[in-house]
């Protein structure tokens, strides 16, 4: 089932009405309307899913794996013998307060998985790696502030919009990557023998399309570590039904969760909401940190970093979705309610001992093997002289446009239309104001 994907936000053309709501709402101007249909510019898209939120016609969709098809494979005995599910921490905020984390894990087992390894259980190792980097001094120290690499959408945004800040990005791998490695190793350890990877399926439950893409097609060019990704939205109703059935049942299935018998610690649960990662980093290494959620706010803070206004800050946690991962476009629950539930579960674990993650860090060294390369999509041409000439053309054309930024031309604003014209992807008459003026002039001149 392993395959490579460049993007997980797709257009369902038959549902698209060409209304331009997604065009003007895209934070990276990655959508155009051409010939009455939206077109996603793949080189600019960062998989934030904002178009999925905004489209009134549901023409933008994410591309997770089909959970119903997976359950059918289990019935037909064509699925891997060992099926380990890796739930994101944000899952625990998607169901009612009355259900414990242990019950959620048991419900997942009843859906066809043979074991549960919470992604939250790998966050301690990621935090330990972050603390190790923050403690470095002198020539070995990373530029400040160190930017968390946990949100792939933010990292894609930096690659395209702020490539000079890639040096600030933490080289630590995402938690799901470490969780997948630990889950397989724990499976082999529990069996007392090496289990064939072909007989083992690792399945991530994702809150957003950005993590789907990164898990199946890593930015650093690495090999995918999971075999499938299901969205929290697709699994929500089956999970609720399973939870209700378990409450009715007298005999609960055993909680076959590898991570500390299913226990997830307070600081690990917090990763599902905005600020959780930064709090964990500060608890392990006393540092000045800022947590920012929402792609528009992330853009503002990255501009401040680029301008040198945050040199006194050690660590930046940036999440593209409002509220953090609980606000992911593939979640069901209101982000504020989901955050409340997560905090309630954190409070329930208040008296549990903290996990340092030192052993995970020492054994796995969860660092990227290769650097993430910049993708400067704003570059007009590799040749400086040509790029300068194109920029002059853009300025000249933009000055002649009405400046209404209405989006009726199919571009997000007048300047974007000017750039499209210079690149040969649009014409000035795509602007309805200019077209109307030309039509009026034609009538007045008797043409």
Protein backbone atom coordinates (compact mmCIF):
# COMPACT_ATOMS: atom_id res chain seq x y z
CA UNK A 1 0.00 0.00 0.00
CA UNK A 2 3.04 2.28 0.32
CA UNK A 3 3.09 4.92 -2.38
CA UNK A 4 4.41 8.39 -2.96
CA UNK A 5 2.19 11.46 -3.07
CA UNK A 6 3.15 15.04 -3.71
CA UNK A 7 -0.14 16.52 -2.48
CA UNK A 8 -3.21 15.35 -0.57
CA UNK A 9 -5.59 18.21 -1.44
CA UNK A 10 -7.45 17.38 -4.62
CA UNK A 11 -10.10 19.02 -6.79
CA UNK A 12 -13.35 17.27 -7.69
CA UNK A 13 -13.96 19.12 -10.93
CA UNK A 14 -17.59 18.09 -11.42
CA UNK A 15 -18.52 19.74 -8.11
CA UNK A 16 -16.64 22.98 -8.81
CA UNK A 17 -18.81 25.99 -9.78
CA UNK A 18 -15.89 28.35 -10.40
CA UNK A 19 -17.01 30.72 -7.63
CA UNK A 20 -13.46 31.93 -6.67
CA UNK A 21 -14.07 31.61 -2.90
CA UNK A 22 -11.11 29.24 -2.68
CA UNK A 23 -9.03 31.51 -4.91
CA UNK A 24 -9.27 34.54 -2.64
CA UNK A 25 -9.11 32.41 0.52
CA UNK A 26 -5.94 30.45 -0.26
CA UNK A 27 -3.14 31.78 2.00
CA UNK A 28 -0.44 31.04 -0.58
CA UNK A 29 -2.34 32.05 -3.75
CA UNK A 30 -2.12 28.51 -5.09
CA UNK A 31 -5.52 28.40 -6.84
CA UNK A 32 -6.76 29.93 -10.08
CA UNK A 33 -10.07 29.64 -11.90
CA UNK A 34 -9.60 28.90 -15.58
CA UNK A 35 -12.37 27.98 -18.03
CA UNK A 36 -14.90 28.05 -15.22
CA UNK A 37 -13.10 25.56 -12.98
CA UNK A 38 -10.64 25.92 -10.13
CA UNK A 39 -7.08 24.79 -10.76
CA UNK A 40 -4.63 24.02 -7.96
CA UNK A 41 -1.07 25.16 -8.72
CA UNK A 42 0.78 22.12 -7.41
CA UNK A 43 4.10 23.92 -7.04
CA UNK A 44 2.55 26.48 -4.68
CA UNK A 45 0.14 24.30 -2.68
CA UNK A 46 1.20 23.61 0.93
CA UNK A 47 -1.67 21.20 1.76
CA UNK A 48 -3.10 23.50 4.43
CA UNK A 49 -6.65 22.48 3.49
CA UNK A 50 -8.00 26.02 3.77
CA UNK A 51 -9.80 25.54 0.45
CA UNK A 52 -11.49 22.43 1.87
CA UNK A 53 -12.81 24.52 4.76
CA UNK A 54 -14.08 27.31 2.53
CA UNK A 55 -15.52 25.60 -0.56
CA UNK A 56 -19.34 25.71 -0.34
CA UNK A 57 -19.64 23.07 -3.06
CA UNK A 58 -17.29 20.54 -1.41
CA UNK A 59 -15.18 20.47 -4.57
CA UNK A 60 -11.90 20.36 -2.64
CA UNK A 61 -11.18 17.12 -0.86
CA UNK A 62 -8.36 15.43 0.99
CA UNK A 63 -6.99 12.10 -0.21
CA UNK A 64 -6.57 9.73 2.74
CA UNK A 65 -6.82 5.98 2.36
CA UNK A 66 -10.28 4.43 2.32
CA UNK A 67 -11.09 3.11 5.79
CA UNK A 68 -14.11 1.12 4.58
CA UNK A 69 -11.92 -0.62 1.99
CA UNK A 70 -9.38 -1.40 4.72
CA UNK A 71 -12.05 -3.08 6.86
CA UNK A 72 -13.19 -5.05 3.83
CA UNK A 73 -9.61 -6.28 3.34
CA UNK A 74 -9.66 -7.54 6.92
CA UNK A 75 -12.88 -9.44 6.28
CA UNK A 76 -11.41 -10.94 3.12
CA UNK A 77 -8.21 -11.84 4.99
CA UNK A 78 -6.10 -9.82 2.55
CA UNK A 79 -4.84 -7.26 5.09
CA UNK A 80 -1.48 -7.64 6.88
CA UNK A 81 -1.53 -10.04 9.82
CA UNK A 82 -0.26 -7.35 12.21
CA UNK A 83 -2.16 -4.06 11.94
CA UNK A 84 -0.84 -1.33 14.23
CA UNK A 85 -2.76 1.93 14.42
CA UNK A 86 -0.95 5.18 15.23
CA UNK A 87 -3.57 7.67 16.49
CA UNK A 88 -2.64 11.36 16.52
CA UNK A 89 -2.97 13.06 19.95
CA UNK A 90 -5.81 15.20 18.57
CA UNK A 91 -7.99 12.07 18.36
CA UNK A 92 -8.52 12.14 22.12
CA UNK A 93 -10.38 15.43 21.84
CA UNK A 94 -12.80 14.15 19.20
CA UNK A 95 -14.97 11.99 21.47
CA UNK A 96 -16.99 12.84 24.57
CA UNK A 97 -15.48 13.56 27.95
CA UNK A 98 -16.84 10.33 29.41
CA UNK A 99 -14.52 8.09 27.38
CA UNK A 100 -11.04 7.41 28.67
CA UNK A 101 -7.97 7.05 26.49
CA UNK A 102 -7.91 3.34 27.32
CA UNK A 103 -11.49 2.95 26.07
CA UNK A 104 -10.61 4.78 22.85
CA UNK A 105 -7.72 2.38 22.30
CA UNK A 106 -9.96 -0.64 22.89
CA UNK A 107 -12.51 0.75 20.44
CA UNK A 108 -9.77 1.07 17.80
CA UNK A 109 -8.87 -2.58 18.36
CA UNK A 110 -12.49 -3.57 17.78
CA UNK A 111 -12.36 -1.82 14.39
CA UNK A 112 -9.85 -4.34 13.08
CA UNK A 113 -6.47 -3.18 14.33
CA UNK A 114 -4.40 -5.68 16.27
CA UNK A 115 -2.43 -3.17 18.36
CA UNK A 116 -2.32 0.53 19.21
CA UNK A 117 0.79 2.68 19.46
CA UNK A 118 -0.22 6.28 20.22
CA UNK A 119 1.78 8.92 18.36
CA UNK A 120 1.67 10.80 21.67
CA UNK A 121 3.89 8.10 23.18
CA UNK A 122 6.71 9.14 20.82
CA UNK A 123 6.52 12.85 21.61
CA UNK A 124 8.76 12.51 24.68
CA UNK A 125 11.61 11.37 22.44
CA UNK A 126 10.97 14.29 20.08
CA UNK A 127 10.94 16.70 23.03
CA UNK A 128 14.21 15.24 24.32
CA UNK A 129 15.77 15.74 20.88
CA UNK A 130 14.53 19.34 20.81
CA UNK A 131 15.94 19.98 24.29
CA UNK A 132 19.27 18.52 23.14
CA UNK A 133 19.36 20.97 20.22
CA UNK A 134 18.34 23.94 22.36
CA UNK A 135 21.13 23.15 24.83
CA UNK A 136 23.82 23.41 22.16
CA UNK A 137 26.04 26.46 22.40
CA UNK A 138 28.71 28.18 20.35
CA UNK A 139 29.25 27.11 16.75
CA UNK A 140 27.05 24.02 17.20
CA UNK A 141 24.00 26.06 18.21
CA UNK A 142 21.10 26.39 15.79
CA UNK A 143 20.06 29.93 14.79
CA UNK A 144 17.43 31.37 17.12
CA UNK A 145 14.56 30.95 17.25
CA UNK A 146 14.54 27.21 16.52
CA UNK A 147 11.36 26.45 14.56
CA UNK A 148 9.52 23.21 15.26
CA UNK A 149 9.29 20.81 12.30
CA UNK A 150 6.19 19.03 13.61
CA UNK A 151 3.70 20.81 11.32
CA UNK A 152 4.54 19.85 7.71
CA UNK A 153 2.27 22.55 6.29
CA UNK A 154 4.27 25.25 8.07
CA UNK A 155 7.54 23.75 6.82
CA UNK A 156 6.21 23.73 3.24
CA UNK A 157 5.20 27.35 3.75
CA UNK A 158 8.72 28.18 4.88
CA UNK A 159 10.22 26.30 1.89
CA UNK A 160 8.24 28.41 -0.56
CA UNK A 161 7.67 31.75 1.17
CA UNK A 162 10.56 32.04 3.66
CA UNK A 163 13.40 29.84 2.29
CA UNK A 164 16.06 31.82 4.20
CA UNK A 165 14.53 30.55 7.46
CA UNK A 166 15.10 26.86 6.66
CA UNK A 167 18.32 27.12 8.67
CA UNK A 168 16.14 27.77 11.74
CA UNK A 169 13.99 24.67 11.24
CA UNK A 170 14.64 21.89 13.73
CA UNK A 171 16.18 18.76 12.13
CA UNK A 172 14.03 16.57 14.40
CA UNK A 173 11.67 14.17 12.58
CA UNK A 174 7.87 14.40 13.03
CA UNK A 175 6.44 12.39 15.97
CA UNK A 176 4.55 9.96 13.72
CA UNK A 177 7.81 8.88 12.07
CA UNK A 178 9.34 8.02 15.43
CA UNK A 179 6.10 6.37 16.56
CA UNK A 180 6.11 4.10 13.50
CA UNK A 181 9.69 2.98 14.16
CA UNK A 182 9.03 2.37 17.84
CA UNK A 183 5.79 0.52 17.13
CA UNK A 184 7.48 -1.97 14.81
CA UNK A 185 10.39 -2.51 17.19
CA UNK A 186 8.01 -3.01 20.10
CA UNK A 187 5.99 -5.51 18.08
CA UNK A 188 9.12 -7.56 17.40
CA UNK A 189 10.20 -7.30 21.04
CA UNK A 190 6.81 -8.47 22.30
CA UNK A 191 6.90 -11.44 19.93
CA UNK A 192 10.45 -12.29 20.94
CA UNK A 193 11.51 -12.57 17.31
CA UNK A 194 11.98 -10.48 14.16
CA UNK A 195 8.62 -10.11 12.41
CA UNK A 196 8.55 -9.59 8.67
CA UNK A 197 7.76 -6.00 7.73
CA UNK A 198 5.57 -7.39 4.94
CA UNK A 199 3.34 -8.99 7.57
CA UNK A 200 2.97 -5.69 9.41
CA UNK A 201 0.81 -2.72 8.50
CA UNK A 202 1.33 0.65 10.20
CA UNK A 203 -1.65 3.00 9.89
CA UNK A 204 -1.67 6.65 10.92
CA UNK A 205 -4.87 8.51 11.91
CA UNK A 206 -4.35 12.04 10.61
CA UNK A 207 -6.11 15.32 11.48
CA UNK A 208 -5.06 17.11 8.28
CA UNK A 209 -4.01 16.65 4.62
CA UNK A 210 -0.57 18.11 5.34
CA UNK A 211 0.34 15.17 7.55
CA UNK A 212 -1.08 12.71 5.02
CA UNK A 213 1.30 14.05 2.39
CA UNK A 214 4.32 14.23 4.68
CA UNK A 215 3.76 10.72 6.04
CA UNK A 216 3.48 9.13 2.61
CA UNK A 217 5.89 11.44 0.75
CA UNK A 218 8.44 12.97 3.16
CA UNK A 219 9.88 16.37 2.24
CA UNK A 220 13.40 15.20 2.93
CA UNK A 221 13.05 12.47 0.29
CA UNK A 222 13.03 9.68 2.85
CA UNK A 223 11.14 6.40 2.61
CA UNK A 224 7.53 6.44 3.92
CA UNK A 225 7.35 4.80 7.34
CA UNK A 226 3.64 3.92 7.30
CA UNK A 227 1.51 1.79 5.01
CA UNK A 228 -1.65 3.85 5.10
CA UNK A 229 -3.24 7.00 6.47
CA UNK A 230 -6.87 7.36 7.50
CA UNK A 231 -8.49 10.67 8.40
CA UNK A 232 -9.99 11.33 11.82
CA UNK A 233 -13.16 12.33 9.99
CA UNK A 234 -13.51 8.95 8.24
CA UNK A 235 -12.91 6.96 11.40
CA UNK A 236 -15.13 9.12 13.63
CA UNK A 237 -18.51 7.40 13.24
CA UNK A 238 -17.14 3.83 13.35
CA UNK A 239 -15.15 4.79 16.45
CA UNK A 240 -18.19 6.26 18.23
CA UNK A 241 -20.24 3.16 17.38
CA UNK A 242 -17.45 0.93 18.71
CA UNK A 243 -17.24 2.95 21.94
CA UNK A 244 -20.98 2.59 22.53
CA UNK A 245 -20.84 -1.14 21.88
CA UNK A 246 -17.95 -1.55 24.29
CA UNK A 247 -19.91 0.25 26.99
CA UNK A 248 -22.74 -2.25 26.51
CA UNK A 249 -20.42 -5.25 26.54
CA UNK A 250 -19.64 -6.95 29.83
CA UNK A 251 -16.29 -8.28 28.61
CA UNK A 252 -13.99 -5.60 27.24
CA UNK A 253 -11.21 -6.64 24.83
CA UNK A 254 -7.73 -6.31 26.30
CA UNK A 255 -6.00 -2.99 25.69
CA UNK A 256 -3.18 -4.15 23.43
CA UNK A 257 -1.45 -0.80 23.41
CA UNK A 258 2.32 -1.05 23.25
CA UNK A 259 3.08 2.31 24.85
CA UNK A 260 3.21 1.80 28.62
CA UNK A 261 0.15 -0.45 28.55
CA UNK A 262 -1.83 2.24 26.76
CA UNK A 263 -1.09 5.02 29.22
CA UNK A 264 -0.43 8.36 27.59
CA UNK A 265 1.15 10.99 29.81
CA UNK A 266 -0.08 14.51 30.45
CA UNK A 267 2.59 16.34 28.47
CA UNK A 268 2.12 13.93 25.54
CA UNK A 269 -1.64 14.47 25.28
CA UNK A 270 -1.03 18.23 25.10
CA UNK A 271 0.64 17.89 21.69
CA UNK A 272 -2.83 17.68 20.15
CA UNK A 273 -3.52 21.36 20.88
CA UNK A 274 -1.72 24.63 20.24
CA UNK A 275 1.08 25.24 22.73
CA UNK A 276 1.48 21.63 23.84
CA UNK A 277 4.82 21.03 22.13
CA UNK A 278 6.27 24.34 23.34
CA UNK A 279 5.17 23.60 26.90
CA UNK A 280 6.84 20.18 26.77
CA UNK A 281 10.06 21.70 25.42
CA UNK A 282 10.10 24.37 28.13
CA UNK A 283 9.48 21.76 30.84
CA UNK A 284 12.48 19.73 29.67
CA UNK A 285 14.75 22.66 28.82
CA UNK A 286 14.09 26.06 30.31
CA UNK A 287 13.66 28.24 27.24
CA UNK A 288 11.80 31.27 25.96
CA UNK A 289 9.14 30.02 23.59
CA UNK A 290 6.19 31.24 21.53
CA UNK A 291 3.32 29.09 20.23
CA UNK A 292 1.38 30.37 17.22
CA UNK A 293 -1.58 28.73 15.49
CA UNK A 294 -3.35 29.58 12.23
CA UNK A 295 -1.50 30.02 8.94
CA UNK A 296 -2.14 33.79 8.77
CA UNK A 297 -0.65 34.32 12.24
CA UNK A 298 2.24 32.01 11.36
CA UNK A 299 3.00 34.19 8.34
CA UNK A 300 3.15 37.30 10.54
CA UNK A 301 5.47 35.67 13.06
CA UNK A 302 7.75 34.33 10.32
CA UNK A 303 7.99 37.84 8.89
CA UNK A 304 9.05 39.00 12.35
CA UNK A 305 11.73 36.29 12.48
CA UNK A 306 12.96 37.29 9.03
CA UNK A 307 13.18 40.91 10.21
CA UNK A 308 15.27 39.87 13.22
CA UNK A 309 12.64 40.82 15.79
CA UNK A 310 12.63 37.49 17.66
CA UNK A 311 16.32 36.87 18.32
CA UNK A 312 15.58 36.65 22.06
CA UNK A 313 13.18 33.73 21.57
CA UNK A 314 14.58 30.19 21.73
CA UNK A 315 11.77 28.05 20.33
CA UNK A 316 8.82 28.60 18.00
CA UNK A 317 5.92 26.16 17.82
CA UNK A 318 3.97 26.94 14.64
CA UNK A 319 0.81 25.10 13.61
CA UNK A 320 -1.11 25.97 10.46
CA UNK A 321 -4.54 25.00 11.80
CA UNK A 322 -6.44 27.24 14.25
CA UNK A 323 -6.15 25.76 17.72
CA UNK A 324 -3.40 23.39 16.63
CA UNK A 325 -4.06 19.86 15.39
CA UNK A 326 -7.49 19.78 17.07
CA UNK A 327 -8.45 22.36 14.42
CA UNK A 328 -7.31 20.21 11.51
CA UNK A 329 -9.58 20.17 8.49
CA UNK A 330 -9.98 16.38 8.79
CA UNK A 331 -11.29 16.53 12.34
CA UNK A 332 -14.97 16.56 13.30
CA UNK A 333 -15.29 18.37 16.60
CA UNK A 334 -15.26 22.12 17.18
CA UNK A 335 -11.59 22.98 17.96
CA UNK A 336 -12.49 24.77 21.20
CA UNK A 337 -14.49 21.79 22.45
CA UNK A 338 -11.75 19.38 21.38
CA UNK A 339 -9.15 21.47 23.22
CA UNK A 340 -11.34 21.48 26.33
CA UNK A 341 -11.54 17.69 26.20
CA UNK A 342 -7.80 17.34 25.74
CA UNK A 343 -7.14 19.59 28.71
CA UNK A 344 -9.58 17.51 30.78
CA UNK A 345 -7.61 14.38 29.89
CA UNK A 346 -4.37 16.20 30.74
CA UNK A 347 -5.83 17.07 34.13
CA UNK A 348 -6.83 13.44 34.66
CA UNK A 349 -3.17 12.47 34.18
CA UNK A 350 -1.85 15.23 36.49
CA UNK A 351 -0.49 12.79 39.09
CA UNK A 352 1.30 10.48 36.64
CA UNK A 353 5.10 10.74 36.56
CA UNK A 354 6.68 12.73 33.75
CA UNK A 355 8.41 10.82 30.98
CA UNK A 356 11.79 12.26 30.01
CA UNK A 357 12.09 10.61 26.60
CA UNK A 358 15.83 10.21 27.18
CA UNK A 359 15.77 6.50 26.31
CA UNK A 360 13.83 7.06 23.08
CA UNK A 361 16.22 9.84 22.09
CA UNK A 362 19.34 7.83 22.94
CA UNK A 363 18.18 4.74 21.05
CA UNK A 364 16.63 6.33 17.98
CA UNK A 365 18.32 9.75 17.55
CA UNK A 366 15.18 11.02 15.76
CA UNK A 367 16.88 13.43 13.35
CA UNK A 368 16.35 13.91 9.62
CA UNK A 369 19.02 12.26 7.50
CA UNK A 370 18.94 14.93 4.79
CA UNK A 371 18.18 18.64 4.76
CA UNK A 372 14.88 20.04 3.52
CA UNK A 373 15.51 21.98 0.34
CA UNK A 374 13.96 25.33 -0.54
CA UNK A 375 11.33 25.57 -3.27
CA UNK A 376 11.27 29.30 -4.04
CA UNK A 377 8.10 29.39 -6.17
CA UNK A 378 8.15 33.20 -6.14
CA UNK A 379 11.27 33.12 -8.33
CA UNK A 380 10.32 34.52 -11.73
CA UNK A 381 13.37 33.22 -13.61
CA UNK A 382 16.75 31.72 -12.66
CA UNK A 383 18.41 34.39 -14.81
CA UNK A 384 18.61 37.60 -12.77
CA UNK A 385 18.31 39.93 -15.78
CA UNK A 386 15.24 38.11 -17.09
CA UNK A 387 13.68 38.08 -13.63
CA UNK A 388 14.29 41.83 -13.25
CA UNK A 389 12.72 42.50 -16.65
CA UNK A 390 9.71 40.35 -15.73
CA UNK A 391 9.34 42.22 -12.45
CA UNK A 392 9.25 45.54 -14.32
CA UNK A 393 6.54 44.13 -16.59
CA UNK A 394 4.53 42.97 -13.59
CA UNK A 395 4.74 46.41 -11.97
CA UNK A 396 3.70 48.10 -15.22
CA UNK A 397 0.74 45.77 -15.82
CA UNK A 398 -0.36 45.90 -12.17
CA UNK A 399 -0.39 49.71 -12.32
CA UNK A 400 -2.84 49.51 -15.24
CA UNK A 401 -5.23 47.15 -13.44
CA UNK A 402 -8.11 48.56 -11.34
CA UNK A 403 -6.72 47.33 -8.01
CA UNK A 404 -10.07 45.97 -6.82
CA UNK A 405 -8.66 42.53 -5.96
CA UNK A 406 -12.12 41.11 -6.66
CA UNK A 407 -10.96 37.73 -7.94
CA UNK A 408 -13.36 37.78 -10.89
CA UNK A 409 -10.43 37.23 -13.27
CA UNK A 410 -9.72 33.87 -11.62
CA UNK A 411 -6.61 35.12 -9.80
CA UNK A 412 -6.62 36.06 -6.10
CA UNK A 413 -5.74 39.73 -6.68
CA UNK A 414 -4.63 42.18 -9.34
CA UNK A 415 -0.93 41.68 -8.72
CA UNK A 416 -1.29 37.91 -9.05
CA UNK A 417 -3.09 38.45 -12.36
CA UNK A 418 -0.23 40.68 -13.53
CA UNK A 419 2.25 37.93 -12.68
CA UNK A 420 0.10 35.34 -14.47
CA UNK A 421 0.04 37.57 -17.56
CA UNK A 422 3.83 37.95 -17.57
CA UNK A 423 4.25 34.20 -17.12
CA UNK A 424 1.96 33.64 -20.11
CA UNK A 425 -0.84 32.04 -18.11
CA UNK A 426 -3.44 34.82 -18.43
CA UNK A 427 -4.42 37.86 -20.49
CA UNK A 428 -5.31 41.42 -19.53
CA UNK A 429 -8.84 40.91 -20.82
CA UNK A 430 -9.35 38.32 -18.08
CA UNK A 431 -9.98 41.41 -15.93
CA UNK A 432 -13.69 42.17 -16.34
CA UNK A 433 -13.11 45.90 -15.77
CA UNK A 434 -10.63 46.10 -18.65
CA UNK A 435 -12.83 43.84 -20.80
CA UNK A 436 -15.81 46.11 -20.12
CA UNK A 437 -13.81 49.22 -21.00
CA UNK A 438 -12.60 47.65 -24.25
CA UNK A 439 -16.14 46.58 -25.11
CA UNK A 440 -17.48 50.11 -24.41
CA UNK A 441 -14.69 51.63 -26.50
CA UNK A 442 -15.52 49.26 -29.31
CA UNK A 443 -19.19 50.28 -29.24
CA UNK A 444 -18.38 54.01 -29.10
CA UNK A 445 -16.06 53.71 -32.08
CA UNK A 446 -18.68 51.85 -34.05
CA UNK A 447 -16.54 48.76 -34.23
